[in-house]
Protein backbone atom coordinates (compact mmCIF):
# COMPACT_ATOMS: atom_id res chain seq x y z
CA UNK A 1 24.92 5.24 -25.58
CA UNK A 2 21.48 6.53 -26.44
CA UNK A 3 21.14 7.41 -30.14
CA UNK A 4 20.85 11.18 -30.65
CA UNK A 5 17.55 10.79 -32.48
CA UNK A 6 16.05 8.85 -29.60
CA UNK A 7 16.74 11.78 -27.26
CA UNK A 8 13.76 13.41 -28.97
CA UNK A 9 11.65 11.01 -26.89
CA UNK A 10 12.56 13.31 -24.00
CA UNK A 11 10.48 16.14 -25.37
CA UNK A 12 6.99 14.63 -24.91
CA UNK A 13 8.03 12.67 -21.84
CA UNK A 14 9.45 15.67 -19.97
CA UNK A 15 7.33 18.52 -21.32
CA UNK A 16 4.70 17.86 -18.65
CA UNK A 17 7.33 18.22 -15.94
CA UNK A 18 8.30 21.70 -17.11
CA UNK A 19 4.67 22.83 -17.46
CA UNK A 20 3.69 21.39 -14.09
CA UNK A 21 6.65 22.92 -12.31
CA UNK A 22 5.96 26.27 -13.94
CA UNK A 23 2.30 26.15 -12.92
CA UNK A 24 3.23 25.28 -9.36
CA UNK A 25 5.52 28.28 -9.11
CA UNK A 26 3.13 30.80 -10.72
CA UNK A 27 1.05 33.19 -8.58
CA UNK A 28 -2.60 32.30 -8.14
CA UNK A 29 -4.58 33.23 -11.23
CA UNK A 30 -1.48 33.98 -13.30
CA UNK A 31 -0.47 32.13 -16.44
CA UNK A 32 2.58 29.97 -15.76
CA UNK A 33 5.83 31.34 -17.09
CA UNK A 34 8.74 29.20 -18.19
CA UNK A 35 10.57 27.79 -15.20
CA UNK A 36 14.31 27.98 -15.89
CA UNK A 37 15.06 25.64 -13.03
CA UNK A 38 12.82 22.93 -14.42
CA UNK A 39 14.22 23.41 -17.92
CA UNK A 40 17.75 23.10 -16.57
CA UNK A 41 16.79 19.84 -14.88
CA UNK A 42 15.40 18.46 -18.14
CA UNK A 43 18.63 19.37 -19.93
CA UNK A 44 20.60 17.71 -17.18
CA UNK A 45 18.59 14.52 -17.50
CA UNK A 46 19.07 14.57 -21.26
CA UNK A 47 22.81 14.77 -20.79
CA UNK A 48 22.66 12.06 -18.14
CA UNK A 49 20.87 9.61 -20.40
CA UNK A 50 23.17 10.29 -23.33
CA UNK A 51 26.13 9.35 -21.16
CA UNK A 52 24.74 6.10 -19.76
CA UNK A 53 25.94 2.70 -20.88
CA UNK A 54 23.44 -0.02 -21.72
CA UNK A 55 24.17 -1.74 -18.40
CA UNK A 56 23.52 1.48 -16.47
CA UNK A 57 20.25 2.08 -18.27
CA UNK A 58 19.06 -1.46 -17.63
CA UNK A 59 20.00 -1.09 -13.97
CA UNK A 60 17.68 1.92 -13.71
CA UNK A 61 14.75 -0.38 -14.45
CA UNK A 62 15.26 -2.56 -11.37
CA UNK A 63 14.14 -2.00 -7.79
CA UNK A 64 15.86 -4.31 -5.34
CA UNK A 65 15.67 -5.26 -1.70
CA UNK A 66 18.80 -5.14 0.48
CA UNK A 67 19.61 -6.76 3.81
CA UNK A 68 20.39 -4.64 6.84
CA UNK A 69 19.54 -1.40 8.63
CA UNK A 70 22.52 0.74 7.68
CA UNK A 71 24.25 1.32 4.39
CA UNK A 72 27.58 -0.02 5.67
CA UNK A 73 26.24 -3.00 7.66
CA UNK A 74 27.87 -6.25 6.59
CA UNK A 75 25.07 -8.79 6.31
CA UNK A 76 25.31 -12.45 5.26
CA UNK A 77 22.10 -12.07 3.23
CA UNK A 78 23.81 -9.57 0.94
CA UNK A 79 26.74 -11.90 0.40
CA UNK A 80 24.37 -14.75 -0.41
CA UNK A 81 22.11 -12.79 -2.77
CA UNK A 82 24.41 -10.19 -4.30
CA UNK A 83 28.00 -11.30 -3.71
CA UNK A 84 28.87 -8.20 -1.64
CA UNK A 85 28.53 -7.52 2.09
CA UNK A 86 26.74 -4.22 2.59
CA UNK A 87 23.65 -2.47 1.17
CA UNK A 88 25.85 0.35 -0.14
CA UNK A 89 27.99 -2.18 -2.00
CA UNK A 90 24.86 -3.73 -3.53
CA UNK A 91 23.88 -0.32 -4.91
CA UNK A 92 27.40 0.55 -6.08
CA UNK A 93 27.89 -2.80 -7.80
CA UNK A 94 24.54 -3.18 -9.59
CA UNK A 95 23.47 0.50 -9.93
CA UNK A 96 19.71 -0.23 -9.60
CA UNK A 97 17.16 2.49 -10.14
CA UNK A 98 15.60 1.90 -6.74
CA UNK A 99 15.54 0.04 -3.45
CA UNK A 100 12.59 -1.12 -1.36
CA UNK A 101 12.42 -1.28 2.44
CA UNK A 102 10.81 -4.02 4.53
CA UNK A 103 10.29 -4.59 8.24
CA UNK A 104 10.38 -8.39 8.27
CA UNK A 105 13.00 -10.94 9.26
CA UNK A 106 13.96 -11.61 5.65
CA UNK A 107 15.27 -8.11 4.95
CA UNK A 108 14.94 -6.12 8.21
CA UNK A 109 15.56 -2.58 6.99
CA UNK A 110 13.37 -0.69 9.45
CA UNK A 111 13.92 0.25 13.10
CA UNK A 112 13.52 3.94 13.92
CA UNK A 113 12.78 7.01 11.78
CA UNK A 114 16.33 8.35 12.26
CA UNK A 115 17.77 4.98 11.30
CA UNK A 116 15.64 4.86 8.13
CA UNK A 117 16.78 8.36 7.19
CA UNK A 118 20.43 7.41 7.70
CA UNK A 119 19.99 4.27 5.59
CA UNK A 120 18.38 6.32 2.83
CA UNK A 121 21.20 8.87 2.90
CA UNK A 122 23.84 6.16 2.84
CA UNK A 123 22.29 4.36 -0.13
CA UNK A 124 21.84 7.61 -2.05
CA UNK A 125 25.50 8.42 -1.47
CA UNK A 126 26.45 5.05 -3.00
CA UNK A 127 24.37 5.57 -6.14
CA UNK A 128 25.53 7.35 -9.28
CA UNK A 129 21.95 8.34 -10.05
CA UNK A 130 19.57 9.21 -7.17
CA UNK A 131 17.48 6.22 -6.15
CA UNK A 132 13.75 5.72 -6.01
CA UNK A 133 13.54 4.67 -2.35
CA UNK A 134 10.27 2.84 -1.80
CA UNK A 135 8.18 0.93 0.71
CA UNK A 136 4.61 -0.37 1.16
CA UNK A 137 3.10 2.16 3.57
CA UNK A 138 -0.53 1.50 2.66
CA UNK A 139 -1.53 1.91 6.33
CA UNK A 140 -3.75 -0.57 8.10
CA UNK A 141 -3.01 -4.19 7.26
CA UNK A 142 0.09 -3.39 5.19
CA UNK A 143 2.25 -0.95 7.14
CA UNK A 144 6.01 -1.24 7.01
CA UNK A 145 6.91 1.67 9.29
CA UNK A 146 5.13 1.60 12.62
CA UNK A 147 5.07 4.09 15.52
CA UNK A 148 6.39 6.65 16.18
CA UNK A 149 5.40 7.26 12.53
CA UNK A 150 1.78 8.40 12.38
CA UNK A 151 -0.58 5.50 11.82
CA UNK A 152 -3.85 5.54 9.91
CA UNK A 153 -6.41 2.69 9.86
CA UNK A 154 -6.13 1.81 6.15
CA UNK A 155 -8.19 1.92 3.01
CA UNK A 156 -11.41 0.13 3.95
CA UNK A 157 -11.69 2.29 7.05
CA UNK A 158 -11.36 5.35 4.82
CA UNK A 159 -14.07 3.83 2.66
CA UNK A 160 -16.30 3.62 5.73
CA UNK A 161 -15.54 7.27 6.50
CA UNK A 162 -16.72 8.29 3.00
CA UNK A 163 -14.51 11.41 2.96
CA UNK A 164 -12.22 12.18 0.03
CA UNK A 165 -10.84 15.07 2.10
CA UNK A 166 -9.86 12.68 4.92
CA UNK A 167 -8.29 10.25 2.44
CA UNK A 168 -6.21 13.04 0.93
CA UNK A 169 -5.16 14.37 4.34
CA UNK A 170 -4.06 10.89 5.45
CA UNK A 171 -1.95 10.45 2.33
CA UNK A 172 -0.47 13.93 2.60
CA UNK A 173 0.57 13.26 6.19
CA UNK A 174 2.06 9.88 5.31
CA UNK A 175 3.96 11.37 2.38
CA UNK A 176 5.47 14.14 4.49
CA UNK A 177 6.73 11.61 7.04
CA UNK A 178 8.07 9.20 4.42
CA UNK A 179 9.96 11.94 2.61
CA UNK A 180 11.49 13.08 5.88
CA UNK A 181 12.91 9.55 6.23
CA UNK A 182 14.30 9.62 2.69
CA UNK A 183 11.53 7.48 1.14
CA UNK A 184 10.29 8.99 -2.12
CA UNK A 185 8.05 6.30 -3.66
CA UNK A 186 5.15 4.67 -1.83
CA UNK A 187 3.58 1.48 -3.16
CA UNK A 188 0.12 2.84 -2.35
CA UNK A 189 -2.78 3.33 -2.77
CA UNK A 190 -4.35 -0.07 -3.29
CA UNK A 191 -6.85 0.63 -6.08
CA UNK A 192 -8.42 -2.83 -6.11
CA UNK A 193 -12.21 -3.11 -5.86
CA UNK A 194 -12.81 -5.87 -3.30
CA UNK A 195 -15.75 -7.53 -5.01
CA UNK A 196 -15.01 -11.00 -3.60
CA UNK A 197 -15.61 -11.34 0.18
CA UNK A 198 -13.42 -14.47 0.19
CA UNK A 199 -10.42 -12.55 -1.16
CA UNK A 200 -7.45 -13.69 0.98
CA UNK A 201 -4.93 -11.01 0.01
CA UNK A 202 -6.84 -7.72 -0.58
CA UNK A 203 -9.83 -7.42 1.76
CA UNK A 204 -9.42 -4.33 3.95
CA UNK A 205 -6.56 -3.13 1.74
CA UNK A 206 -9.34 -2.07 -0.67
CA UNK A 207 -11.46 1.02 -0.10
CA UNK A 208 -14.68 -0.62 -1.15
CA UNK A 209 -16.63 -3.10 -3.26
CA UNK A 210 -18.12 -0.08 -5.04
CA UNK A 211 -16.07 1.06 -8.06
CA UNK A 212 -17.17 4.68 -7.77
CA UNK A 213 -16.21 5.01 -4.10
CA UNK A 214 -12.91 3.22 -4.68
CA UNK A 215 -12.17 5.54 -7.60
CA UNK A 216 -12.96 8.70 -5.61
CA UNK A 217 -10.69 7.74 -2.71
CA UNK A 218 -7.91 6.41 -4.97
CA UNK A 219 -7.72 9.79 -6.72
CA UNK A 220 -7.79 11.62 -3.39
CA UNK A 221 -4.87 9.65 -2.04
CA UNK A 222 -2.85 10.06 -5.22
CA UNK A 223 -3.28 13.82 -4.82
CA UNK A 224 -2.28 13.61 -1.17
CA UNK A 225 0.83 11.53 -1.76
CA UNK A 226 2.10 13.53 -4.72
CA UNK A 227 0.92 17.04 -3.74
CA UNK A 228 2.47 19.40 -6.30
CA UNK A 229 5.45 18.99 -8.63
CA UNK A 230 8.89 19.19 -7.01
CA UNK A 231 7.40 19.33 -3.51
CA UNK A 232 10.02 18.36 -0.90
CA UNK A 233 7.24 16.73 1.14
CA UNK A 234 5.74 14.49 -1.54
CA UNK A 235 6.28 10.93 -2.74
CA UNK A 236 5.41 9.11 -5.96
CA UNK A 237 2.15 7.24 -5.54
CA UNK A 238 1.65 3.75 -6.97
CA UNK A 239 -1.86 2.55 -7.76
CA UNK A 240 -2.06 -1.23 -7.51
CA UNK A 241 -2.68 -4.02 -8.60
CA UNK A 242 -3.56 -3.59 -12.30
CA UNK A 243 -5.82 -4.80 -13.89
CA UNK A 244 -7.48 -5.49 -10.51
CA UNK A 245 -6.88 -8.06 -7.76
CA UNK A 246 -10.23 -7.61 -6.01
CA UNK A 247 -12.10 -10.64 -7.35
CA UNK A 248 -9.58 -13.34 -6.48
CA UNK A 249 -10.01 -16.23 -4.07
CA UNK A 250 -6.30 -17.05 -4.07
CA UNK A 251 -3.14 -15.20 -3.02
CA UNK A 252 -0.69 -14.35 -5.79
CA UNK A 253 2.16 -14.59 -3.31
CA UNK A 254 1.67 -18.35 -3.31
CA UNK A 255 -0.34 -19.13 -6.48
CA UNK A 256 -1.47 -17.71 -9.81
CA UNK A 257 -5.09 -16.59 -9.28
CA UNK A 258 -7.61 -16.44 -12.12
CA UNK A 259 -10.11 -13.59 -12.46
CA UNK A 260 -13.06 -14.53 -14.65
CA UNK A 261 -13.91 -11.12 -16.15
CA UNK A 262 -14.76 -10.06 -19.67
CA UNK A 263 -13.20 -6.83 -20.89
CA UNK A 264 -16.60 -5.15 -20.54
CA UNK A 265 -16.96 -6.34 -16.94
CA UNK A 266 -13.42 -5.19 -16.22
CA UNK A 267 -14.18 -1.73 -17.56
CA UNK A 268 -17.23 -1.44 -15.32
CA UNK A 269 -15.90 -3.04 -12.13
CA UNK A 270 -12.10 -2.86 -11.93
CA UNK A 271 -10.97 -0.06 -14.25
CA UNK A 272 -12.59 3.01 -12.58
CA UNK A 273 -10.05 3.42 -9.74
CA UNK A 274 -7.15 3.15 -12.18
CA UNK A 275 -8.78 5.66 -14.51
CA UNK A 276 -9.21 8.00 -11.55
CA UNK A 277 -5.58 7.54 -10.53
CA UNK A 278 -4.42 8.36 -14.04
CA UNK A 279 -6.63 11.46 -14.15
CA UNK A 280 -5.06 12.53 -10.84
CA UNK A 281 -1.58 12.20 -12.39
CA UNK A 282 -0.36 9.06 -10.63
CA UNK A 283 3.38 8.52 -11.10
CA UNK A 284 3.32 4.72 -11.20
CA UNK A 285 0.95 1.77 -11.48
CA UNK A 286 1.79 -1.73 -10.22
CA UNK A 287 0.76 -4.86 -12.08
CA UNK A 288 -0.88 -7.95 -10.60
CA UNK A 289 0.32 -11.51 -10.96
CA UNK A 290 -3.12 -12.75 -11.98
CA UNK A 291 -4.58 -14.42 -15.04
CA UNK A 292 -7.55 -12.72 -16.73
CA UNK A 293 -8.52 -14.97 -19.64
CA UNK A 294 -11.09 -12.45 -20.87
CA UNK A 295 -8.24 -9.98 -21.42
CA UNK A 296 -5.48 -12.40 -22.41
CA UNK A 297 -6.39 -16.04 -23.12
CA UNK A 298 -2.72 -17.05 -23.36
CA UNK A 299 -2.55 -17.89 -19.64
CA UNK A 300 0.20 -15.37 -18.91
CA UNK A 301 -0.10 -13.34 -15.70
CA UNK A 302 -0.98 -9.69 -16.28
CA UNK A 303 2.58 -8.66 -15.36
CA UNK A 304 3.85 -10.49 -18.46
CA UNK A 305 0.82 -9.87 -20.66
CA UNK A 306 1.03 -7.36 -23.52
CA UNK A 307 -2.77 -7.35 -23.96
CA UNK A 308 -3.15 -6.43 -20.28
CA UNK A 309 -0.52 -3.68 -20.37
CA UNK A 310 -1.99 -2.43 -23.67
CA UNK A 311 -5.29 -1.87 -21.84
CA UNK A 312 -3.40 0.40 -19.48
CA UNK A 313 -1.32 2.17 -22.12
CA UNK A 314 -3.81 2.41 -24.99
CA UNK A 315 -7.31 2.12 -23.57
CA UNK A 316 -6.64 4.18 -20.43
CA UNK A 317 -3.96 6.34 -22.04
CA UNK A 318 -1.37 5.92 -19.31
CA UNK A 319 2.22 6.95 -20.12
CA UNK A 320 3.67 6.88 -16.60
CA UNK A 321 5.80 4.23 -14.95
CA UNK A 322 4.42 0.68 -14.88
CA UNK A 323 6.07 -1.40 -12.15
CA UNK A 324 5.70 -5.11 -11.52
CA UNK A 325 4.66 -6.55 -8.22
CA UNK A 326 7.52 -8.50 -6.64
CA UNK A 327 9.12 -10.88 -9.13
CA UNK A 328 9.87 -13.21 -6.21
CA UNK A 329 6.15 -14.03 -5.84
CA UNK A 330 4.87 -17.42 -6.96
CA UNK A 331 2.20 -15.90 -9.19
CA UNK A 332 4.73 -14.69 -11.75
CA UNK A 333 7.20 -17.60 -11.54
CA UNK A 334 5.04 -20.58 -12.51
CA UNK A 335 5.45 -20.49 -16.28
CA UNK A 336 8.98 -19.24 -16.96
CA UNK A 337 12.55 -19.40 -15.60
CA UNK A 338 13.45 -16.46 -13.36
CA UNK A 339 16.02 -15.08 -15.84
CA UNK A 340 13.38 -14.79 -18.59
CA UNK A 341 10.75 -12.99 -16.52
CA UNK A 342 12.28 -9.45 -16.65
CA UNK A 343 12.64 -9.70 -20.44
CA UNK A 344 9.06 -10.85 -20.83
CA UNK A 345 7.81 -8.06 -18.58
CA UNK A 346 9.64 -5.45 -20.66
CA UNK A 347 8.22 -6.94 -23.85
CA UNK A 348 4.76 -6.63 -22.33
CA UNK A 349 5.32 -2.92 -21.67
CA UNK A 350 6.48 -2.72 -18.05
CA UNK A 351 9.10 -0.14 -16.96
CA UNK A 352 10.23 -0.98 -13.40
CA UNK A 353 11.06 -4.52 -12.31
CA UNK A 354 10.58 -5.12 -8.58
CA UNK A 355 12.66 -7.58 -6.57
CA UNK A 356 13.91 -10.15 -9.10
CA UNK A 357 15.14 -13.40 -7.60
CA UNK A 358 18.73 -12.74 -8.69
CA UNK A 359 19.48 -9.09 -9.45
CA UNK A 360 22.77 -9.68 -11.26
CA UNK A 361 21.29 -12.44 -13.40
CA UNK A 362 18.17 -10.37 -14.12
CA UNK A 363 20.17 -7.35 -15.29
CA UNK A 364 22.40 -9.60 -17.36
CA UNK A 365 19.41 -11.29 -19.01
CA UNK A 366 17.97 -7.95 -20.16
CA UNK A 367 21.35 -6.73 -21.45
CA UNK A 368 21.80 -10.01 -23.32
CA UNK A 369 18.29 -9.73 -24.81
CA UNK A 370 19.16 -6.28 -26.18
CA UNK A 371 22.44 -7.46 -27.65
CA UNK A 372 20.70 -10.45 -29.22
CA UNK A 373 18.05 -8.20 -30.81
CA UNK A 374 15.24 -9.65 -28.68
CA UNK A 375 14.71 -6.18 -27.18
CA UNK A 376 15.78 -2.90 -28.78
CA UNK A 377 17.82 -0.31 -26.95
CA UNK A 378 15.14 2.21 -27.87
CA UNK A 379 12.66 0.10 -25.89
CA UNK A 380 14.98 0.27 -22.88
CA UNK A 381 15.44 4.01 -23.36
CA UNK A 382 11.71 4.66 -23.20
CA UNK A 383 11.39 2.95 -19.83
CA UNK A 384 14.51 4.64 -18.49
CA UNK A 385 13.11 8.01 -19.45
CA UNK A 386 9.81 7.28 -17.73
CA UNK A 387 11.66 6.30 -14.55
CA UNK A 388 13.86 9.43 -14.67
CA UNK A 389 10.85 11.62 -15.42
CA UNK A 390 9.17 10.27 -12.26
CA UNK A 391 12.31 11.04 -10.23
CA UNK A 392 12.55 14.49 -11.77
CA UNK A 393 8.91 15.31 -11.11
CA UNK A 394 9.24 14.49 -7.40
CA UNK A 395 12.54 16.34 -7.04
CA UNK A 396 14.46 13.13 -6.35
CA UNK A 397 17.25 13.95 -8.81
CA UNK A 398 18.09 17.18 -7.00
CA UNK A 399 17.08 16.52 -3.40
CA UNK A 400 19.73 16.97 -0.70
CA UNK A 401 20.14 14.28 1.97
CA UNK A 402 17.40 14.26 4.56
CA UNK A 403 18.33 15.73 7.93
CA UNK A 404 17.90 14.28 11.43
CA UNK A 405 16.25 17.52 12.54
CA UNK A 406 13.63 17.15 9.84
CA UNK A 407 12.95 13.58 10.92
CA UNK A 408 12.47 14.52 14.56
CA UNK A 409 10.18 17.47 13.82
CA UNK A 410 8.08 15.68 11.22
CA UNK A 411 7.63 11.98 11.96
CA UNK A 412 4.89 11.50 14.55
CA UNK A 413 4.35 15.23 14.97
CA UNK A 414 1.53 16.17 17.34
CA UNK A 415 -0.50 17.71 14.53
CA UNK A 416 -0.16 14.53 12.48
CA UNK A 417 -1.33 12.36 15.38
CA UNK A 418 -4.31 14.64 15.89
CA UNK A 419 -5.21 14.31 12.20
CA UNK A 420 -5.04 10.51 12.45
CA UNK A 421 -7.30 10.54 15.51
CA UNK A 422 -9.90 12.79 13.85
CA UNK A 423 -9.99 10.71 10.68
CA UNK A 424 -10.13 7.36 12.45
CA UNK A 425 -12.94 8.50 14.75
CA UNK A 426 -15.08 8.94 11.63
CA UNK A 427 -14.53 5.38 10.37
CA UNK A 428 -15.90 3.12 13.14
CA UNK A 429 -19.15 1.54 11.96
CA UNK A 430 -22.04 0.40 14.18
CA UNK A 431 -23.56 -2.51 12.29
CA UNK A 432 -25.95 -3.95 14.90
CA UNK A 433 -27.26 -2.69 18.25
CA UNK A 434 -30.33 -4.87 18.80
CA UNK A 435 -30.10 -4.97 22.58
CA UNK A 436 -29.34 -1.28 23.00
CA UNK A 437 -26.07 -1.99 24.78
CA UNK A 438 -24.52 1.09 23.18
CA UNK A 439 -24.09 3.85 23.95
CA UNK A 440 -23.14 2.87 27.49
CA UNK A 441 -25.00 4.73 30.23
CA UNK A 442 -21.86 4.77 32.39
CA UNK A 443 -18.24 3.99 31.72
CA UNK A 444 -17.45 0.33 32.60
CA UNK A 445 -15.42 -0.21 35.74
CA UNK A 446 -14.31 -3.79 35.08
CA UNK A 447 -14.32 -4.43 31.31
CA UNK A 448 -12.92 -7.63 29.79
CA UNK A 449 -11.36 -7.53 26.31
CA UNK A 450 -10.89 -10.94 24.73
CA UNK A 451 -10.70 -12.64 21.36
CA UNK A 452 -8.37 -12.25 18.39
CA UNK A 453 -5.13 -10.26 18.47
CA UNK A 454 -2.55 -10.21 21.24
CA UNK A 455 -1.63 -6.58 20.67
CA UNK A 456 -5.13 -5.38 19.83
CA UNK A 457 -6.77 -6.90 22.91
CA UNK A 458 -4.10 -5.54 25.21
CA UNK A 459 -4.19 -2.09 23.62
CA UNK A 460 -7.97 -1.81 23.91
CA UNK A 461 -8.01 -3.19 27.46
CA UNK A 462 -5.39 -0.66 28.51
CA UNK A 463 -7.38 2.18 26.96
CA UNK A 464 -10.61 1.07 28.65
CA UNK A 465 -8.90 0.36 31.97
CA UNK A 466 -9.81 -3.30 31.91
CA UNK A 467 -8.42 -6.83 31.61
CA UNK A 468 -7.04 -8.38 28.43
CA UNK A 469 -7.49 -12.07 27.69
CA UNK A 470 -6.25 -12.80 24.13
CA UNK A 471 -7.52 -16.11 22.75
CA UNK A 472 -6.06 -16.03 19.25
CA UNK A 473 -7.40 -17.10 15.88
CA UNK A 474 -8.81 -20.45 17.06
CA UNK A 475 -9.61 -20.43 20.82
CA UNK A 476 -9.33 -23.78 22.60
CA UNK A 477 -12.07 -25.12 24.86
CA UNK A 478 -9.89 -24.26 27.85
CA UNK A 479 -9.48 -20.67 26.63
CA UNK A 480 -13.21 -20.35 26.12
CA UNK A 481 -13.86 -21.64 29.65
CA UNK A 482 -11.32 -19.17 31.08
CA UNK A 483 -12.96 -16.27 29.20
CA UNK A 484 -16.42 -17.31 30.47
CA UNK A 485 -15.14 -17.30 34.08
CA UNK A 486 -13.54 -13.89 33.58
CA UNK A 487 -16.78 -12.53 32.10
CA UNK A 488 -18.53 -13.36 35.37
CA UNK A 489 -16.48 -10.67 37.13
CA UNK A 490 -16.79 -8.10 34.33
CA UNK A 491 -19.41 -5.44 33.71
CA UNK A 492 -18.74 -5.38 29.95
CA UNK A 493 -17.14 -7.87 27.56
CA UNK A 494 -15.60 -6.77 24.24
CA UNK A 495 -14.83 -9.61 21.83
CA UNK A 496 -12.49 -8.88 18.92
CA UNK A 497 -12.87 -11.10 15.85
CA UNK A 498 -10.91 -11.67 12.66
CA UNK A 499 -12.10 -14.02 9.90
CA UNK A 500 -14.75 -15.38 12.28
CA UNK A 501 -16.79 -16.70 9.35
CA UNK A 502 -14.00 -19.24 8.70
CA UNK A 503 -13.18 -19.91 12.36
CA UNK A 504 -15.85 -21.89 14.24
CA UNK A 505 -13.82 -21.66 17.48
CA UNK A 506 -14.17 -17.86 17.43
CA UNK A 507 -17.91 -18.22 16.97
CA UNK A 508 -17.99 -20.69 19.91
CA UNK A 509 -16.18 -18.15 22.11
CA UNK A 510 -18.64 -15.43 21.25
CA UNK A 511 -21.67 -17.70 21.79
CA UNK A 512 -20.37 -18.82 25.20
CA UNK A 513 -19.77 -15.23 26.31
CA UNK A 514 -23.25 -14.14 25.22
CA UNK A 515 -24.69 -16.87 27.46
CA UNK A 516 -23.04 -15.38 30.58
CA UNK A 517 -25.52 -12.50 30.72
CA UNK A 518 -22.76 -9.88 30.85
CA UNK A 519 -23.26 -7.22 28.14
CA UNK A 520 -21.16 -8.13 25.08
CA UNK A 521 -19.89 -5.94 22.26
CA UNK A 522 -18.52 -7.89 19.27
CA UNK A 523 -16.04 -6.06 17.04
CA UNK A 524 -14.82 -7.11 13.58
CA UNK A 525 -11.32 -5.66 13.61
CA UNK A 526 -10.40 -6.60 10.03
CA UNK A 527 -12.86 -7.64 7.30
CA UNK A 528 -16.42 -6.62 8.28
CA UNK A 529 -17.87 -9.84 6.86
CA UNK A 530 -17.73 -11.38 10.37
CA UNK A 531 -20.88 -9.54 11.44
CA UNK A 532 -23.19 -11.72 9.32
CA UNK A 533 -22.19 -15.01 10.93
CA UNK A 534 -23.47 -14.87 14.52
CA UNK A 535 -26.56 -13.63 16.32
CA UNK A 536 -24.60 -11.37 18.66
CA UNK A 537 -26.89 -8.38 19.20
CA UNK A 538 -24.15 -5.73 19.22
CA UNK A 539 -21.58 -5.47 16.41
CA UNK A 540 -19.05 -2.78 15.52
CA UNK A 541 -16.52 -2.79 12.67
CA UNK A 542 -13.16 -1.02 12.69
CA UNK A 543 -11.44 -2.48 9.56
CA UNK A 544 -8.11 -2.27 11.38
CA UNK A 545 -6.56 -3.46 14.64
CA UNK A 546 -3.74 -0.97 15.20
CA UNK A 547 -3.38 1.43 18.09
CA UNK A 548 -5.17 4.32 16.40
CA UNK A 549 -8.15 2.10 15.49
CA UNK A 550 -8.40 0.65 19.01
CA UNK A 551 -8.31 4.14 20.50
CA UNK A 552 -11.21 5.24 18.30
CA UNK A 553 -13.07 2.04 19.12
CA UNK A 554 -12.71 2.77 22.84
CA UNK A 555 -14.12 6.27 22.34
CA UNK A 556 -17.15 4.85 20.53
CA UNK A 557 -17.74 2.18 23.20
CA UNK A 558 -17.57 4.72 26.03
CA UNK A 559 -19.76 7.25 24.23
CA UNK A 560 -17.07 9.88 23.74
CA UNK A 561 -17.52 9.55 19.95
CA UNK A 562 -20.67 8.71 18.04
CA UNK A 563 -20.18 6.13 15.27
CA UNK A 564 -20.58 7.58 11.77
CA UNK A 565 -18.95 5.00 9.48
CA UNK A 566 -20.95 3.26 6.74
CA UNK A 567 -20.23 -0.21 5.39
CA UNK A 568 -18.04 0.26 2.29
CA UNK A 569 -18.84 -3.29 1.16
CA UNK A 570 -21.97 -5.40 1.03
CA UNK A 571 -21.81 -8.10 3.72
CA UNK A 572 -23.28 -11.44 2.58
CA UNK A 573 -24.15 -14.35 4.84
CA UNK A 574 -26.89 -15.63 7.16
CA UNK A 575 -27.53 -12.06 8.38
CA UNK A 576 -26.55 -9.91 5.40
CA UNK A 577 -26.09 -6.15 5.41
CA UNK A 578 -26.14 -3.84 2.37
CA UNK A 579 -23.45 -1.49 1.19
CA UNK A 580 -23.88 1.81 3.02
CA UNK A 581 -25.45 0.37 6.18
CA UNK A 582 -24.44 2.01 9.44
CA UNK A 583 -26.18 2.95 12.68
CA UNK A 584 -25.81 6.09 14.73
CA UNK A 585 -27.00 7.38 18.07
């Protein structure tokens, strides 16, 4: 049980919830009065915490995956990983504070919006304390829930659009749809400043290489996701990956990257978006599995580093929830046994522990550490209270189950799709137009779309009314020859590229198509760094390859929309382009 004196911790931790809820309910211009409803909720949480066992409190600190698409689906993965058959049984047995949804073959939680809502309702029904239901709906490159949910092109595209209003509208729309499906915590926005063009894991997930622009849009999206206290349409935002994953040349999913920054450099380059998120009231901040020797010379990843978390808590003054990145990633597992990692993270100052390798073992290791005196129960209490405060602030502790009618009327609503179209149209960037190919004088009658991306090429070809010829990441000589023959019958060729600077076969395809004499438009559909590595006279950048981005690209190519995006990163290479470059016509 929580000691009666320690309940006093509730006062500073929950006071902001009462004030914020009161302000939200006050008439415009009026001083907020006490909100009895919010005060009642705080008292209820106080009583809840007093009645929790140590095991229940420790469980609140963990966010786990589950296998399956319905709460009562028997899945062999659950038996293997948790010793029970269904997702509901996982929740009932281990009483975690949250669950996280994925759309991959390993966990496979996502099919349709109604299915997601039913899964959320079923898991909430199995939990003694309402769950933080989370996913990674960053949009763009990292999107767990696809159509019919409204799609946006992602952070770097928003950086090209240069509009904080658009960034906030995109987040607000995404939050409304997530909440309708029973998801109440989004692991977004990505607040990393992508200062390394060779970064293999961030790239277009970042708004910009400019700290000020990244900070402005991070704050805007935090506001959009979280809206106002107790909103039934909001989700907890999660700024990631602290202290900043933007200057890595390795992927922390498979290695432990090193960022060579001094504390002063970190403050200037990586800290501003996190400071902006905190000023905007962000509910949670996710740590990175990276080494920063200038912050902590011990060699520990930031997730397990007290000096790194102290920067967040003390230097930046953050008292919200700190959550780890997945504890199944290689970057956090290289130095310690899996059972020790949750204890070390809590010692460093973390609150939520995401996806440990063995949930039962992880909970047991933390409980054992408390009973052995390695961690105090008061330390556990503080993190539990932060987690419950987050749930209280977003109305999770009192929310009714989501309804199928709400799902159908909200997810993919016509107004949301129109918003996505408007925003995405403002992100396409014209980087080069040396030959004056664009804007087209007349709409092409026989366009060929080729290059990277099976889905992207076919989507764009369908929109333009042309032929698709996907050639993949590394086109073969035979594929190049086929594309050249097809270009002979086309009146326009559009070549989609992705990581062309590292793929000589993509450059060979583009060079061969330029030699045909048919007008060619090259398009970097992920990182814009491709544009510096060929002499193609016409280059556009979309920063995303999804349906909404390809539709906007088609409108720019055909002249329906004028390009207005500006490069949100500097593009180095043989033909470099500065931050902010962008053509118009």
